[in-house]
């Protein structure tokens, strides 16, 4: 079973930047990094988990939540088996646990599109 491992979270000031990364480990034979569509979701305190950004298998297509458009950038380097989310111009309302998600065949803004999930990584933005 694939395992998604997130890194790069932490504390930032409002207006600052952070970079999150996600790696797909324990891939079965025959599957490469480009086998997976990937996305980021987040859960803020006392709120439901919400979509943040997605990227297609080869990176040719991306989509963002309106709340992060123009501030966050999702990217992937399949040769390095790494998918990243650059968070710029952070706001206190970006404070949340961020989750990496992946799926072999589906892609979309709903949690149900993704079979594989990371454990989440905390991002805290101070005002």
Foldseek 3Di string as FASTA:
>chain_A
DKAKDKDWADEAAQQAKTKMKIAIPPDDPPDFLLLKKKFKWWDDPPGDIWGAKTAHSVRPDMDGDPVQPPAKDWGDDRVVRMIMIMGGSDDQVVWTWMKMFIDRPFDDGDPVRGDYIHPTDTHGYHD
